[in-house]
Protein backbone atom coordinates (compact mmCIF):
# COMPACT_ATOMS: atom_id res chain seq x y z
CA MET A 1 -22.50 9.29 4.38
CA SER A 2 -23.69 6.45 7.64
CA ALA A 3 -21.39 5.09 9.69
CA SER A 4 -19.13 2.96 9.28
CA PRO A 5 -17.66 -0.15 10.71
CA ARG A 6 -14.00 -0.38 12.25
CA ARG A 7 -12.00 -0.95 9.13
CA GLN A 8 -8.23 -3.01 9.26
CA VAL A 9 -6.27 0.13 7.44
CA VAL A 10 -7.42 3.76 6.51
CA ILE A 11 -4.93 5.17 3.72
CA ILE A 12 -4.73 8.99 3.20
CA GLY A 13 -3.90 9.46 -0.04
CA ALA A 14 -5.11 7.51 -3.56
CA GLY A 15 -1.63 8.71 -5.50
CA PRO A 16 0.81 5.67 -6.46
CA VAL A 17 2.17 4.48 -3.05
CA GLY A 18 -1.15 4.26 -1.43
CA VAL A 19 -3.14 2.53 -4.00
CA THR A 20 0.27 0.36 -4.05
CA ALA A 21 0.17 0.02 -0.54
CA ALA A 22 -3.27 -1.61 -0.68
CA LEU A 23 -2.90 -3.45 -3.16
CA LEU A 24 -0.21 -5.29 -1.79
CA LEU A 25 -1.95 -5.35 1.88
CA ALA A 26 -4.77 -7.02 -0.20
CA ARG A 27 -2.34 -9.96 -1.08
CA HIS A 28 -1.76 -10.31 2.07
CA GLY A 29 -5.78 -10.39 2.97
CA VAL A 30 -5.96 -7.27 4.66
CA HIS A 31 -8.82 -5.24 3.51
CA SER A 32 -8.18 -1.33 3.07
CA LEU A 33 -10.38 1.90 3.20
CA LEU A 34 -8.74 5.03 0.61
CA LEU A 35 -9.64 8.87 1.37
CA GLU A 36 -8.93 10.70 -1.84
CA ARG A 37 -9.53 14.50 -1.49
CA HIS A 38 -9.58 14.53 -5.25
CA ARG A 39 -12.52 13.27 -8.22
CA ASP A 40 -9.93 11.33 -10.13
CA ILE A 41 -6.52 10.75 -11.24
CA TYR A 42 -4.68 14.49 -11.54
CA PRO A 43 -3.59 14.52 -15.43
CA LEU A 44 -0.71 15.90 -15.92
CA PRO A 45 2.72 14.58 -16.19
CA ARG A 46 5.26 14.26 -12.99
CA ALA A 47 7.14 11.45 -11.99
CA VAL A 48 8.86 9.45 -15.08
CA VAL A 49 11.22 6.89 -14.28
CA ALA A 50 10.51 3.60 -12.46
CA ASP A 51 14.01 1.50 -12.24
CA ASP A 52 13.84 -2.36 -12.47
CA GLU A 53 13.14 -2.60 -8.68
CA ILE A 54 10.14 -0.93 -8.73
CA CYS A 55 8.90 -2.79 -11.84
CA ARG A 56 9.24 -6.33 -9.93
CA ILE A 57 6.96 -4.51 -7.15
CA LEU A 58 4.61 -3.55 -10.01
CA GLN A 59 4.73 -7.17 -11.24
CA SER A 60 3.51 -8.31 -7.21
CA VAL A 61 0.81 -6.38 -7.68
CA GLY A 62 -0.12 -7.45 -10.71
CA ILE A 63 0.50 -5.10 -13.76
CA HIS A 64 3.88 -5.35 -14.71
CA GLU A 65 2.80 -5.81 -18.59
CA GLU A 66 0.04 -3.45 -18.01
CA PHE A 67 3.58 -0.82 -17.23
CA ALA A 68 5.73 -2.56 -19.88
CA ALA A 69 3.04 -1.05 -22.66
CA VAL A 70 3.15 2.36 -21.51
CA SER A 71 6.71 2.28 -20.41
CA ARG A 72 10.19 3.04 -22.39
CA PRO A 73 13.55 1.01 -21.38
CA ALA A 74 16.09 4.07 -21.34
CA PRO A 75 20.47 3.42 -22.02
CA GLY A 76 21.10 5.31 -18.81
CA LEU A 77 22.27 8.74 -18.08
CA ARG A 78 24.85 11.09 -19.40
CA LEU A 79 26.67 13.93 -17.71
CA LEU A 80 27.42 16.88 -20.36
CA ASP A 81 29.45 19.84 -20.29
CA PRO A 82 27.76 23.23 -21.21
CA ARG A 83 29.00 23.17 -24.54
CA HIS A 84 27.19 19.53 -24.70
CA ARG A 85 30.51 17.48 -24.36
CA LEU A 86 30.54 13.77 -22.64
CA ILE A 87 31.56 13.75 -19.74
CA THR A 88 31.08 10.79 -18.78
CA GLU A 89 28.01 7.93 -18.49
CA PHE A 90 26.41 5.97 -16.54
CA PRO A 91 24.71 2.67 -18.84
CA ARG A 92 21.77 0.74 -17.38
CA SER A 93 20.72 -2.11 -18.60
CA PRO A 94 18.07 -3.77 -20.22
CA HIS A 95 18.13 -7.06 -17.77
CA GLY A 96 18.86 -5.98 -14.57
CA HIS A 97 18.60 -7.84 -11.21
CA HIS A 98 15.22 -7.71 -10.88
CA GLY A 99 14.29 -9.10 -14.13
CA PHE A 100 13.42 -5.70 -15.49
CA ALA A 101 14.57 -3.29 -17.74
CA GLU A 102 17.14 -1.50 -15.17
CA THR A 103 15.73 2.42 -16.24
CA ASN A 104 11.84 2.46 -17.23
CA MET A 105 10.63 5.69 -18.60
CA PHE A 106 6.65 6.48 -18.38
CA ASP A 107 3.23 8.55 -17.90
CA GLN A 108 2.49 9.00 -14.41
CA PRO A 109 -1.61 9.51 -15.64
CA GLU A 110 -0.49 5.85 -17.18
CA LEU A 111 1.04 4.24 -14.44
CA GLU A 112 -1.79 5.49 -11.59
CA ARG A 113 -4.63 4.21 -14.32
CA LEU A 114 -3.31 1.17 -14.38
CA LEU A 115 -3.07 1.34 -10.49
CA ARG A 116 -6.45 2.19 -9.86
CA ASP A 117 -7.90 -0.09 -12.48
CA ALA A 118 -6.11 -3.08 -11.12
CA LEU A 119 -7.72 -1.65 -7.39
CA THR A 120 -11.28 -2.25 -8.66
CA ARG A 121 -10.34 -5.77 -9.81
CA ARG A 122 -9.34 -6.09 -5.06
CA PRO A 123 -12.77 -7.02 -3.34
CA GLU A 124 -10.42 -6.36 -0.46
CA CYS A 125 -9.97 -2.72 -1.58
CA GLU A 126 -12.31 0.00 -0.89
CA LEU A 127 -11.57 3.87 -2.57
CA TRP A 128 -13.92 6.99 -1.57
CA SER A 129 -12.60 9.96 -4.02
CA GLY A 130 -13.89 13.56 -3.68
CA VAL A 131 -13.51 12.68 0.25
CA GLU A 132 -11.08 14.69 1.89
CA ALA A 133 -9.36 13.68 5.35
CA VAL A 134 -8.79 16.42 8.13
CA SER A 135 -7.94 14.88 11.85
CA VAL A 136 -5.96 11.01 13.06
CA THR A 137 -6.20 10.69 16.48
CA GLN A 138 -5.02 7.85 18.45
CA PRO A 139 -6.02 7.56 21.46
CA THR A 140 -4.11 6.80 24.61
CA ASP A 141 -5.61 2.59 24.70
CA PRO A 142 -3.91 1.26 22.05
CA THR A 143 -6.91 -1.05 21.35
CA ALA A 144 -9.88 1.81 20.63
CA GLY A 145 -7.92 1.67 17.50
CA ILE A 146 -7.30 5.71 15.34
CA GLN A 147 -9.65 7.42 14.80
CA VAL A 148 -10.30 9.33 10.99
CA THR A 149 -11.84 12.62 10.74
CA PHE A 150 -13.16 13.31 7.02
CA ARG A 151 -14.92 15.52 5.17
CA ARG A 152 -17.03 14.74 2.06
CA ASP A 153 -16.09 17.10 -1.23
CA GLY A 154 -18.66 19.70 -0.90
CA SER A 155 -19.69 19.39 2.42
CA ASP A 156 -18.79 21.25 5.92
CA GLU A 157 -19.98 18.24 7.80
CA GLU A 158 -17.34 15.70 9.73
CA GLU A 159 -17.76 12.45 10.07
CA HIS A 160 -15.23 9.89 11.56
CA LEU A 161 -13.66 6.17 10.64
CA TRP A 162 -11.62 3.13 13.53
CA ALA A 163 -9.21 2.14 12.06
CA ASP A 164 -6.21 -1.10 13.59
CA ALA A 165 -3.79 1.35 11.56
CA VAL A 166 -3.36 4.09 8.67
CA LEU A 167 -1.42 4.69 6.37
CA GLY A 168 -0.06 8.72 5.83
CA CYS A 169 0.31 8.79 1.70
CA ASP A 170 -0.89 12.22 1.65
CA GLY A 171 2.34 13.88 0.55
CA ALA A 172 4.66 17.01 1.02
CA ALA A 173 2.06 18.61 2.76
CA SER A 174 0.72 15.55 4.78
CA LEU A 175 -1.62 15.81 7.16
CA THR A 176 -0.42 12.33 8.97
CA ARG A 177 3.10 13.91 9.70
CA GLN A 178 1.32 16.35 11.76
CA ALA A 179 -0.91 13.71 13.33
CA ILE A 180 2.07 11.89 14.37
CA GLY A 181 4.19 15.08 15.57
CA ALA A 182 7.63 14.20 13.13
CA VAL A 183 9.08 17.29 11.64
CA TRP A 184 10.97 17.96 8.64
CA GLU A 185 15.21 17.35 9.26
CA ASP A 186 16.32 20.06 6.42
CA LEU A 187 19.36 17.80 4.37
CA HIS A 188 20.54 21.06 3.19
CA PHE A 189 19.31 21.04 -0.72
CA GLU A 190 16.68 23.44 -1.92
CA GLU A 191 16.79 25.14 -5.94
CA SER A 192 13.93 26.54 -7.95
CA TRP A 193 13.75 24.69 -11.11
CA ARG A 194 11.21 24.88 -14.52
CA VAL A 195 10.03 21.43 -15.90
CA ILE A 196 8.65 21.57 -19.36
CA ASP A 197 6.44 18.50 -20.20
CA VAL A 198 6.54 18.50 -24.28
CA ARG A 199 4.73 16.34 -26.39
CA THR A 200 6.13 16.93 -30.32
CA SER A 201 6.76 15.78 -33.90
CA ARG A 202 10.19 17.49 -35.18
CA PRO A 203 13.12 15.64 -34.88
CA VAL A 204 15.18 16.08 -31.25
CA HIS A 205 18.48 15.61 -31.57
CA SER A 206 19.86 13.21 -28.32
CA TRP A 207 20.41 9.89 -27.64
CA GLU A 208 17.69 7.75 -25.57
CA GLY A 209 18.40 8.53 -22.50
CA ALA A 210 18.63 11.06 -19.47
CA GLU A 211 21.08 14.14 -20.00
CA GLN A 212 22.11 16.66 -17.52
CA ILE A 213 24.13 19.18 -17.81
CA CYS A 214 26.50 20.35 -15.83
CA CYS A 215 27.06 24.18 -16.02
CA ALA A 216 26.97 26.42 -12.80
CA THR A 217 25.02 29.13 -14.85
CA ARG A 218 22.26 27.10 -16.92
CA PRO A 219 22.50 23.55 -15.65
CA ALA A 220 19.68 21.51 -17.30
CA THR A 221 18.16 18.20 -18.08
CA TYR A 222 16.63 16.57 -20.64
CA MET A 223 14.60 13.10 -21.16
CA ARG A 224 13.04 11.34 -23.59
CA VAL A 225 9.80 10.15 -21.85
CA GLY A 226 7.68 8.44 -24.79
CA GLU A 227 7.57 8.25 -28.54
CA ASP A 228 6.42 11.95 -28.92
CA ARG A 229 7.05 12.88 -25.34
CA TYR A 230 10.14 14.92 -23.75
CA ARG A 231 10.71 16.38 -20.51
CA TRP A 232 13.59 19.19 -20.01
CA GLU A 233 14.03 20.37 -16.68
CA PHE A 234 16.01 24.11 -16.20
CA ARG A 235 17.47 25.63 -13.47
CA LEU A 236 15.42 29.39 -14.48
CA ASP A 237 14.59 32.59 -12.30
CA ALA A 238 10.87 32.34 -10.85
CA ASP A 239 10.63 35.71 -12.82
CA GLU A 240 11.65 33.97 -15.75
CA GLN A 241 8.60 33.61 -18.12
CA LEU A 242 7.80 30.91 -20.78
CA ASP A 243 4.85 32.31 -22.43
CA GLY A 244 3.53 35.02 -25.09
CA ALA A 245 5.94 35.66 -27.98
CA ASP A 246 8.87 36.40 -25.47
CA GLY A 247 8.19 33.26 -23.61
CA ARG A 248 8.27 31.51 -26.72
CA LYS A 249 11.66 32.55 -27.95
CA ARG A 250 12.98 32.26 -24.88
CA LEU A 251 12.04 28.50 -24.46
CA ARG A 252 13.12 28.09 -28.16
CA GLU A 253 16.66 29.12 -26.83
CA LEU A 254 16.45 26.41 -23.77
CA VAL A 255 15.69 23.48 -26.32
CA ALA A 256 17.93 24.95 -29.62
CA PRO A 257 20.43 22.19 -28.56
CA TRP A 258 18.06 19.40 -29.27
CA VAL A 259 15.31 20.27 -31.58
CA ASP A 260 15.30 23.29 -33.90
CA LEU A 261 12.27 25.67 -34.07
CA PRO A 262 11.22 28.71 -35.35
CA ALA A 263 12.39 31.83 -34.66
CA ASP A 264 9.36 33.27 -33.09
CA GLY A 265 9.17 30.17 -30.94
CA PRO A 266 7.38 26.72 -31.25
CA GLN A 267 3.71 26.20 -32.29
CA ASP A 268 1.13 24.15 -30.26
CA ASP A 269 0.78 22.71 -33.30
CA ASP A 270 4.18 21.03 -33.55
CA PHE A 271 5.69 21.31 -30.17
CA GLN A 272 3.25 21.54 -27.63
CA VAL A 273 3.79 22.52 -24.07
CA ILE A 274 1.63 19.41 -21.76
CA ARG A 275 3.11 20.94 -18.86
CA GLN A 276 5.34 23.24 -17.44
CA ALA A 277 5.64 24.41 -13.74
CA GLN A 278 7.95 25.39 -11.47
CA TYR A 279 9.13 23.12 -8.22
CA THR A 280 11.67 23.82 -5.59
CA PHE A 281 13.53 20.85 -5.37
CA ARG A 282 14.42 19.92 -1.72
CA ALA A 283 15.90 17.53 0.42
CA ARG A 284 13.80 16.11 3.20
CA LEU A 285 13.42 13.86 5.56
CA ALA A 286 10.77 13.60 8.74
CA ASP A 287 12.35 12.52 12.01
CA ARG A 288 9.60 10.15 12.53
CA TRP A 289 7.82 8.42 10.42
CA ARG A 290 5.89 6.32 13.08
CA ARG A 291 3.71 6.71 15.91
CA GLY A 292 1.39 3.41 17.40
CA ARG A 293 0.25 2.08 13.93
CA ILE A 294 -0.04 5.50 11.90
CA PHE A 295 2.95 5.45 9.48
CA LEU A 296 4.43 7.85 6.85
CA LEU A 297 4.77 6.70 3.51
CA GLY A 298 6.57 8.22 0.16
CA ASP A 299 6.51 12.15 -0.06
CA ALA A 300 5.05 12.15 3.66
CA ALA A 301 8.50 11.24 4.70
CA HIS A 302 10.94 11.72 2.98
CA LEU A 303 11.29 14.66 -0.34
CA THR A 304 14.22 14.32 -2.75
CA PRO A 305 16.16 16.26 -5.54
CA PRO A 306 15.38 14.76 -8.87
CA PHE A 307 18.81 14.16 -10.13
CA VAL A 308 18.38 10.68 -9.38
CA GLY A 309 14.96 9.80 -10.51
CA GLN A 310 14.06 7.86 -7.16
CA GLY A 311 11.33 9.77 -5.64
CA LEU A 312 8.37 7.57 -6.82
CA CYS A 313 10.45 5.15 -6.36
CA SER A 314 11.38 5.33 -2.65
CA GLY A 315 7.23 5.41 -1.56
CA LEU A 316 6.89 2.46 -3.44
CA ARG A 317 9.63 0.97 -1.58
CA ASP A 318 8.18 2.20 1.68
CA ALA A 319 5.22 0.04 0.73
CA TYR A 320 6.67 -3.02 0.21
CA ASN A 321 8.60 -3.18 2.88
CA LEU A 322 5.65 -2.01 5.02
CA THR A 323 2.66 -3.67 3.91
CA TRP A 324 3.91 -8.29 4.54
CA LYS A 325 4.77 -6.71 8.21
CA LEU A 326 1.25 -4.92 8.77
CA ALA A 327 -0.04 -7.98 7.19
CA ARG A 328 1.49 -9.81 9.74
CA VAL A 329 0.67 -8.73 12.53
CA LEU A 330 -2.78 -7.82 11.89
CA ARG A 331 -3.40 -11.24 10.68
CA GLN A 332 -1.35 -13.34 12.15
CA GLY A 333 -0.73 -12.04 16.05
CA ALA A 334 3.07 -11.27 14.78
CA HIS A 335 4.57 -9.36 17.61
CA GLU A 336 3.74 -5.00 17.14
CA SER A 337 8.06 -5.12 17.74
CA LEU A 338 7.95 -6.31 13.98
CA LEU A 339 6.63 -3.03 12.80
CA ASP A 340 9.55 -0.87 13.99
CA THR A 341 11.84 -1.84 11.64
CA TYR A 342 9.92 -0.61 8.75
CA GLU A 343 11.37 2.59 9.92
CA SER A 344 14.33 1.38 11.10
CA GLU A 345 15.11 0.19 7.80
CA ARG A 346 13.65 2.40 5.47
CA LYS A 347 15.01 5.80 6.88
CA PRO A 348 18.37 4.79 6.27
CA HIS A 349 17.72 4.24 2.77
CA ALA A 350 15.81 6.73 2.15
CA ARG A 351 18.45 9.04 3.80
CA HIS A 352 21.06 7.41 1.10
CA LEU A 353 19.26 8.26 -1.49
CA ILE A 354 18.58 11.40 -0.27
CA ARG A 355 22.56 12.11 0.04
CA VAL A 356 23.04 10.60 -3.22
CA ALA A 357 20.67 13.17 -5.26
CA VAL A 358 22.21 15.88 -3.41
CA ALA A 359 25.74 14.73 -4.36
CA VAL A 360 24.32 14.26 -7.74
CA GLY A 361 22.94 17.72 -7.74
CA TRP A 362 25.67 19.51 -5.95
CA ALA A 363 28.33 17.93 -8.05
CA MET A 364 26.51 17.79 -11.50
CA THR A 365 24.57 21.64 -11.62
CA GLY A 366 27.51 22.87 -9.69
CA GLY A 367 25.73 24.41 -7.41
CA GLN A 368 25.90 28.54 -7.44
CA ASP A 369 28.88 29.05 -5.30
CA HIS A 370 32.97 29.69 -6.09
CA GLY A 371 33.15 25.90 -5.73
CA ALA A 372 31.28 25.04 -8.42
CA ALA A 373 33.88 24.56 -11.11
CA VAL A 374 36.12 22.65 -8.55
CA ARG A 375 32.94 20.24 -7.72
CA ARG A 376 32.74 19.41 -11.61
CA ALA A 377 36.25 18.98 -12.38
CA VAL A 378 36.25 16.67 -9.59
CA VAL A 379 33.40 14.73 -10.87
CA GLY A 380 34.72 14.49 -14.09
CA THR A 381 37.81 13.38 -13.38
CA ALA A 382 36.46 10.24 -10.87
CA CYS A 383 33.72 9.60 -13.61
CA ARG A 384 36.79 8.72 -16.10
CA ILE A 385 38.12 5.55 -12.80
CA PRO A 386 36.86 2.28 -14.20
CA GLY A 387 34.46 0.97 -12.26
CA VAL A 388 33.25 4.26 -10.66
CA THR A 389 30.30 4.65 -12.39
CA ALA A 390 29.52 1.21 -12.13
CA ALA A 391 29.64 1.49 -8.57
CA VAL A 392 27.13 4.77 -8.67
CA SER A 393 24.38 2.59 -10.21
CA ARG A 394 24.74 0.24 -7.88
CA ASP A 395 24.31 2.19 -4.91
CA LEU A 396 21.11 2.90 -5.60
CA SER A 397 19.75 0.27 -4.11
CA PRO A 398 22.54 -0.59 -1.13
CA ALA A 399 21.84 -3.48 1.21
CA LEU A 400 19.87 -3.41 4.25
CA SER A 401 22.19 -2.55 7.81
CA ALA A 402 22.05 -5.67 10.47
CA GLY A 403 18.79 -5.43 12.50
CA PRO A 404 16.15 -7.87 14.01
CA LEU A 405 15.07 -9.24 10.11
CA VAL A 406 18.49 -9.14 8.83
CA ARG A 407 21.19 -11.17 9.87
CA ARG A 408 24.46 -9.91 8.54
CA ARG A 409 27.58 -12.19 8.82
CA SER A 410 31.65 -12.01 8.87
CA ARG A 411 33.02 -10.91 5.42
CA LEU A 412 35.11 -13.89 5.74
CA THR A 413 32.29 -15.48 4.52
CA GLY A 414 32.45 -13.85 1.62
CA ARG A 415 29.97 -11.68 -0.30
CA GLN A 416 27.08 -10.30 1.55
CA LEU A 417 24.18 -11.59 0.67
CA ALA A 418 21.62 -11.09 4.06
CA GLY A 419 20.13 -7.77 3.41
CA THR A 420 20.34 -7.63 -0.57
CA ILE A 421 17.53 -8.48 -2.75
CA CYS A 422 17.32 -12.33 -4.43
CA PRO A 423 17.51 -12.08 -8.18
CA GLN A 424 15.16 -12.89 -9.95
CA PRO A 425 15.32 -15.02 -13.08
CA ARG A 426 13.24 -16.33 -15.37
CA VAL A 427 12.57 -20.69 -14.18
CA ARG A 428 10.40 -23.28 -15.62
CA HIS A 429 7.08 -23.63 -13.28
CA GLU A 430 4.14 -25.99 -14.82
CA GLY A 431 5.96 -26.25 -17.52
CA GLU A 432 6.42 -22.60 -18.46
CA GLN A 433 8.67 -19.96 -18.14
CA VAL A 434 7.81 -17.36 -15.67
CA ARG A 435 9.28 -15.15 -13.40
CA LEU A 436 10.60 -16.86 -9.80
CA ASP A 437 8.36 -14.36 -8.48
CA ASP A 438 5.62 -15.55 -9.97
CA VAL A 439 6.42 -18.82 -8.07
CA LEU A 440 7.32 -17.21 -4.67
CA GLY A 441 4.07 -15.91 -4.29
CA THR A 442 3.53 -13.71 -1.12
CA SER A 443 5.69 -15.78 1.45
CA PHE A 444 8.80 -16.78 3.77
CA THR A 445 11.24 -19.15 1.09
CA VAL A 446 14.20 -20.92 1.52
CA LEU A 447 15.98 -21.34 -1.23
CA SER A 448 18.86 -24.15 -1.16
CA ALA A 449 21.76 -24.73 -3.78
CA MET A 450 21.72 -28.39 -2.09
CA PRO A 451 19.09 -30.85 -0.66
CA PRO A 452 16.84 -29.40 2.56
CA THR A 453 18.21 -30.54 5.16
CA ALA A 454 15.87 -31.06 7.99
CA ARG A 455 16.89 -27.80 9.84
CA MET A 456 15.71 -25.84 6.38
CA THR A 457 13.05 -27.51 6.46
CA ALA A 458 12.08 -27.21 9.60
CA VAL A 459 12.72 -23.72 9.48
CA ALA A 460 10.27 -23.08 6.57
CA THR A 461 8.22 -24.76 7.47
CA ALA A 462 7.20 -22.60 10.19
CA LEU A 463 6.53 -19.71 8.34
CA GLY A 464 4.32 -21.44 6.33
CA THR A 465 5.86 -22.73 2.96
CA PRO A 466 8.41 -25.80 2.51
CA PRO A 467 11.91 -25.40 1.07
CA ILE A 468 12.64 -25.24 -2.53
CA HIS A 469 16.19 -26.41 -4.00
CA ILE A 470 17.22 -23.94 -6.75
CA ASP A 471 17.75 -27.35 -9.24
CA ASP A 472 13.99 -28.22 -9.20
CA LEU A 473 13.23 -24.10 -10.60
CA GLY A 474 15.55 -24.75 -14.00
CA ASP A 475 16.87 -21.48 -14.68
CA ASP A 476 19.99 -20.75 -16.33
CA GLY A 477 22.19 -20.36 -13.23
CA THR A 478 21.60 -17.21 -12.09
CA LEU A 479 20.46 -18.37 -8.75
CA ALA A 480 23.19 -20.77 -7.78
CA THR A 481 25.93 -18.50 -9.19
CA TRP A 482 24.78 -15.78 -6.89
CA LEU A 483 24.45 -18.13 -3.63
CA ALA A 484 27.96 -19.94 -4.42
CA GLY A 485 29.27 -16.03 -4.52
CA GLY A 486 27.50 -15.36 -1.09
CA ARG A 487 29.19 -18.66 -0.54
CA SER A 488 25.64 -19.85 0.87
CA ASP A 489 24.38 -23.25 0.56
CA ALA A 490 20.75 -22.15 1.29
CA VAL A 491 18.77 -18.18 1.92
CA LEU A 492 15.97 -17.49 3.56
CA LEU A 493 14.07 -15.06 1.83
CA ARG A 494 11.97 -12.47 3.39
CA PRO A 495 8.09 -11.84 1.45
CA ASP A 496 9.59 -8.71 0.30
CA ARG A 497 13.12 -10.84 -1.55
CA VAL A 498 15.21 -9.48 0.83
CA VAL A 499 17.58 -11.80 2.20
CA MET A 500 16.96 -12.50 5.45
CA ASP A 501 19.52 -14.80 7.28
CA THR A 502 21.81 -17.35 5.11
CA VAL A 503 23.70 -20.79 5.40
CA PRO A 504 27.04 -20.33 5.31
CA ALA A 505 28.89 -22.56 2.83
CA GLY A 506 28.93 -26.01 4.92
CA THR A 507 27.69 -25.56 7.86
CA GLY A 508 24.13 -27.00 6.34
CA ASP A 509 22.19 -24.82 8.94
CA PHE A 510 20.23 -21.34 9.89
CA THR A 511 22.04 -20.13 12.83
CA GLY A 512 20.17 -16.80 13.99
CA THR A 513 16.55 -18.13 14.27
CA ALA A 514 16.84 -17.12 18.40
CA ALA A 515 17.28 -13.10 17.45
CA TRP A 516 14.05 -13.21 14.31
CA ALA A 517 11.97 -15.99 15.40
CA PRO A 518 10.34 -14.10 18.22
CA LEU A 519 8.93 -11.38 15.93
CA LEU A 520 7.30 -13.54 13.64
CA HIS A 521 5.69 -15.29 16.38
CA THR A 522 2.29 -16.45 14.63
CA SER A 523 -0.13 -16.28 17.86
CA ARG A 524 -3.11 -16.94 16.45
CA PRO A 525 -4.93 -18.01 13.10
CA ALA A 526 -5.17 -16.03 9.96
CA PRO A 527 -9.09 -14.49 10.47
CA ASP A 528 -10.73 -14.79 7.22
CA ALA A 529 -10.60 -11.59 5.73
CA ARG A 530 -13.72 -11.98 4.46
CA ALA A 531 -15.57 -11.61 7.35
CA VAL A 532 -13.37 -8.75 9.14
CA LEU A 533 -15.68 -6.03 6.70
CA PRO A 534 -19.04 -5.61 4.01
CA PRO A 535 -18.44 -5.93 0.53
CA ARG A 536 -16.51 -3.30 -1.59
CA SER A 537 -17.58 -0.57 -2.45
CA THR A 538 -16.39 2.51 -4.60
CA THR A 539 -18.34 5.33 -3.48
CA PRO A 540 -19.18 7.41 -0.06
């Protein structure tokens, strides 16, 4: 491999988070190089759940229609007692806030293939497979860039790249996390579970969503993933085997509440175990997510138990939050402190979701202590209170707290919109019905329920886009209702569709520009991205 020029961004790890980050950067004209130690996509299933916010991110990289073809909406989650009697249900809508079904089941290798295919269509992206990063070093001089040392598969020779920024999307055993000196904060959950993925033509007795069996001795999770694909998760001891004749009988006993199998256990011709793996579910959070322009994303930054299906979702949110900010710094000369808002916004959100997952894990599976029965009883009672299950579902995507890029106001002005994500209805554009983000693109946006004032127009123009009067969008009233509920005449949306600031009803003006404008200040024109790097290649 010959010496390589300096790169704008090097991404270590080409899993879903790394590839999504590369595609998002490409939308902003930023070139990236992905280093992936494996030659091809890992072929076995892992993540299986994506919510509507994640589908919206997939829309932003152009694969939402293909993803819809390989995924299936699910109606929600049911909690069952050990005798499989309903405790409560958390319903999920087929039409969520973001314009997609609120819960979608999928096979991770299929999603990764869609992302990889999209990567080949972007000249801003390079993927080097069979290349393992071995160190990441940031010199004292920040202008020197970041050195990434790597080896090709089958070679002991170390080679070097220099980058303006490095994204560590390299998983729980992250090299990048070690490079920035980050350590895990333990959030106090650790259990060993067996995950079993199955393809079967046999009738499966269950509803179309997920089921959590709340049991102190044998908690379990069931999910229908695809047309003939199912997943079971059981808390098993490490020495409990499901292979061989005895193992097949044990597996038959475990899945008996859902599917009838022969007395000697399942056979591959009509009940194929695609994969079984022993996992230790952990709750951990890196104490720091950034040093200079080296960043952690996904499992490199946070680990969560799977009970609310937010592991992969959190990683894609990391990419969506960081990439537009990094692009603005690299291409438009925004203030370096804009990058500080990545950790300050994403880390509390990730911590919150991990705590929700831990709470669900302890309450629903009961744990293994004397308080298990009490916890299950309390949860069962609480979930029967009107509105509680809906509140828990909403809590999976709470508003961002006030900060440099979120100007929150007194609650006396109405429901807080700042820090929340704008809904995505269907709108009219050039004679066709499309989703809102297809019109907004990658820019900041001022959405107004009234004819834009001179001040609104000035704010929007300074950020590179004209204001939009919602009457011109011709939606079904979703945006007007949303703005009215927040007692706002207009909102300023960030490129990730988070509400950055609002114009309270009757005031006619944004008042927070003094706080956030310096972060977004453009000190130089955007360069021609095509001049930064040579044409994309897919091999080292």
